[in-house]
Amino acid sequence: MSLLVRNGDGLAMRPGLTGDWAAAWRAFEEPSYGNRIGVTARADRLDALTASLAGRRLDVAAWYGVRVFTDTAPDDAEVPGEAELAALLACEERAGATDPYRRVAALTHVIAVRAA
């Protein structure tokens, strides 16, 4: 199974980086947040998600952070040129597989397999 979820463990990063201290403070404890389109959404913490999957006989085989460096990019940002895009993607891929960066990514990608 492949799951892509909002990362509850990194939920305070976006508001913190943009100076929204009230939202950053709430994000430390609350499992939901107001997203950029104004919808209240849920975030999942890796430990709780892993436990929930285990309860369904699924083991986490791998997990990655997604949007480590690009989460605060404006929705209308220009697409970078080919060389810059390649560098950006390489950095995102490496950070998404490396602690501590993947722990604070905007999203968590979990790959789970049926337990033996």
Protein backbone atom coordinates (compact mmCIF):
# COMPACT_ATOMS: atom_id res chain seq x y z
CA MET A 1 0.00 0.00 0.00
CA SER A 2 1.20 3.48 -0.81
CA LEU A 3 -0.10 6.36 1.33
CA LEU A 4 0.63 10.05 0.97
CA VAL A 5 -0.53 12.01 4.02
CA ARG A 6 -0.02 15.43 5.55
CA ASN A 7 2.83 15.02 8.02
CA GLY A 8 1.61 15.76 11.54
CA ASP A 9 5.20 15.59 12.83
CA GLY A 10 6.16 18.54 10.63
CA LEU A 11 2.87 20.42 10.82
CA ALA A 12 4.40 23.48 12.51
CA MET A 13 7.03 24.01 9.80
CA ARG A 14 5.01 25.91 7.16
CA PRO A 15 3.35 28.35 9.57
CA GLY A 16 6.63 28.76 11.44
CA LEU A 17 8.59 29.53 8.28
CA THR A 18 5.96 32.03 7.18
CA GLY A 19 5.76 33.73 10.61
CA ASP A 20 2.27 32.54 11.59
CA TRP A 21 3.19 31.85 15.21
CA ALA A 22 -0.35 31.11 16.43
CA ALA A 23 -0.80 28.40 13.79
CA ALA A 24 2.68 27.03 14.46
CA TRP A 25 1.92 26.79 18.18
CA ARG A 26 -1.40 24.99 17.55
CA ALA A 27 0.29 22.57 15.16
CA PHE A 28 2.39 21.07 17.94
CA GLU A 29 -0.70 19.53 19.52
CA GLU A 30 -3.60 19.53 17.08
CA PRO A 31 -4.03 16.85 14.39
CA SER A 32 -5.78 19.22 11.99
CA TYR A 33 -4.85 22.43 10.23
CA GLY A 34 -6.27 25.00 7.84
CA ASN A 35 -4.80 24.34 4.42
CA ARG A 36 -4.01 26.91 1.72
CA ILE A 37 -7.45 26.63 0.11
CA GLY A 38 -9.24 27.25 3.41
CA VAL A 39 -10.27 23.69 4.21
CA THR A 40 -9.68 22.14 7.63
CA ALA A 41 -7.70 18.98 6.98
CA ARG A 42 -6.23 16.15 9.05
CA ALA A 43 -2.55 15.38 9.46
CA ASP A 44 -1.08 12.03 10.49
CA ARG A 45 1.92 11.41 12.71
CA LEU A 46 4.23 8.62 11.53
CA ASP A 47 4.15 6.63 14.80
CA ALA A 48 0.35 6.64 14.96
CA LEU A 49 0.07 5.78 11.26
CA THR A 50 2.56 2.91 11.68
CA ALA A 51 0.54 1.56 14.63
CA SER A 52 -2.72 1.87 12.71
CA LEU A 53 -1.25 -0.02 9.76
CA ALA A 54 0.13 -2.73 12.07
CA GLY A 55 -3.38 -3.17 13.45
CA ARG A 56 -4.42 -4.00 9.89
CA ARG A 57 -1.53 -6.46 9.45
CA LEU A 58 0.55 -4.05 7.37
CA ASP A 59 4.20 -3.30 8.07
CA VAL A 60 5.88 -0.06 6.98
CA ALA A 61 8.55 -1.10 4.47
CA ALA A 62 9.76 2.44 3.73
CA TRP A 63 8.76 6.04 4.27
CA TYR A 64 9.82 9.35 2.80
CA GLY A 65 9.32 13.05 3.33
CA VAL A 66 7.76 14.98 0.46
CA ARG A 67 8.03 18.76 -0.09
CA VAL A 68 10.85 19.30 2.38
CA PHE A 69 12.18 22.48 0.75
CA THR A 70 9.33 23.48 -1.54
CA ASP A 71 6.31 23.56 0.76
CA THR A 72 6.32 27.33 1.12
CA ALA A 73 6.62 27.99 -2.62
CA PRO A 74 3.73 30.18 -3.79
CA ASP A 75 0.98 28.45 -5.74
CA ASP A 76 1.69 30.70 -8.71
CA ALA A 77 5.47 30.25 -8.64
CA GLU A 78 7.20 30.05 -12.01
CA VAL A 79 8.44 26.60 -12.99
CA PRO A 80 12.23 26.75 -12.74
CA GLY A 81 14.47 26.15 -15.71
CA GLU A 82 15.71 22.67 -16.50
CA ALA A 83 18.99 22.85 -14.55
CA GLU A 84 17.41 24.47 -11.49
CA LEU A 85 14.52 22.00 -11.56
CA ALA A 86 16.95 19.07 -11.72
CA ALA A 87 18.87 20.46 -8.72
CA LEU A 88 15.65 21.11 -6.79
CA LEU A 89 14.38 17.57 -7.43
CA ALA A 90 17.72 16.03 -6.46
CA CYS A 91 17.73 17.95 -3.17
CA GLU A 92 14.08 17.07 -2.46
CA GLU A 93 14.74 13.39 -3.17
CA ARG A 94 17.80 13.26 -0.92
CA ALA A 95 16.15 15.21 1.91
CA GLY A 96 13.01 13.09 1.61
CA ALA A 97 15.04 9.98 2.37
CA THR A 98 17.30 11.49 5.05
CA ASP A 99 16.69 12.25 8.72
CA PRO A 100 16.14 14.79 10.17
CA TYR A 101 14.78 16.41 7.00
CA ARG A 102 12.13 13.84 6.13
CA ARG A 103 10.70 14.16 9.66
CA VAL A 104 9.69 17.80 9.04
CA ALA A 105 8.50 17.49 5.44
CA ALA A 106 5.03 18.74 4.55
CA LEU A 107 3.92 15.26 3.51
CA THR A 108 4.83 11.71 4.43
CA HIS A 109 4.83 8.93 1.84
CA VAL A 110 4.48 5.54 3.51
CA ILE A 111 4.89 2.22 1.71
CA ALA A 112 3.40 -0.69 3.64
CA VAL A 113 3.31 -4.40 2.90
CA ARG A 114 1.17 -7.23 4.23
CA ALA A 115 2.72 -8.59 7.44
CA ALA A 116 3.98 -12.16 7.31
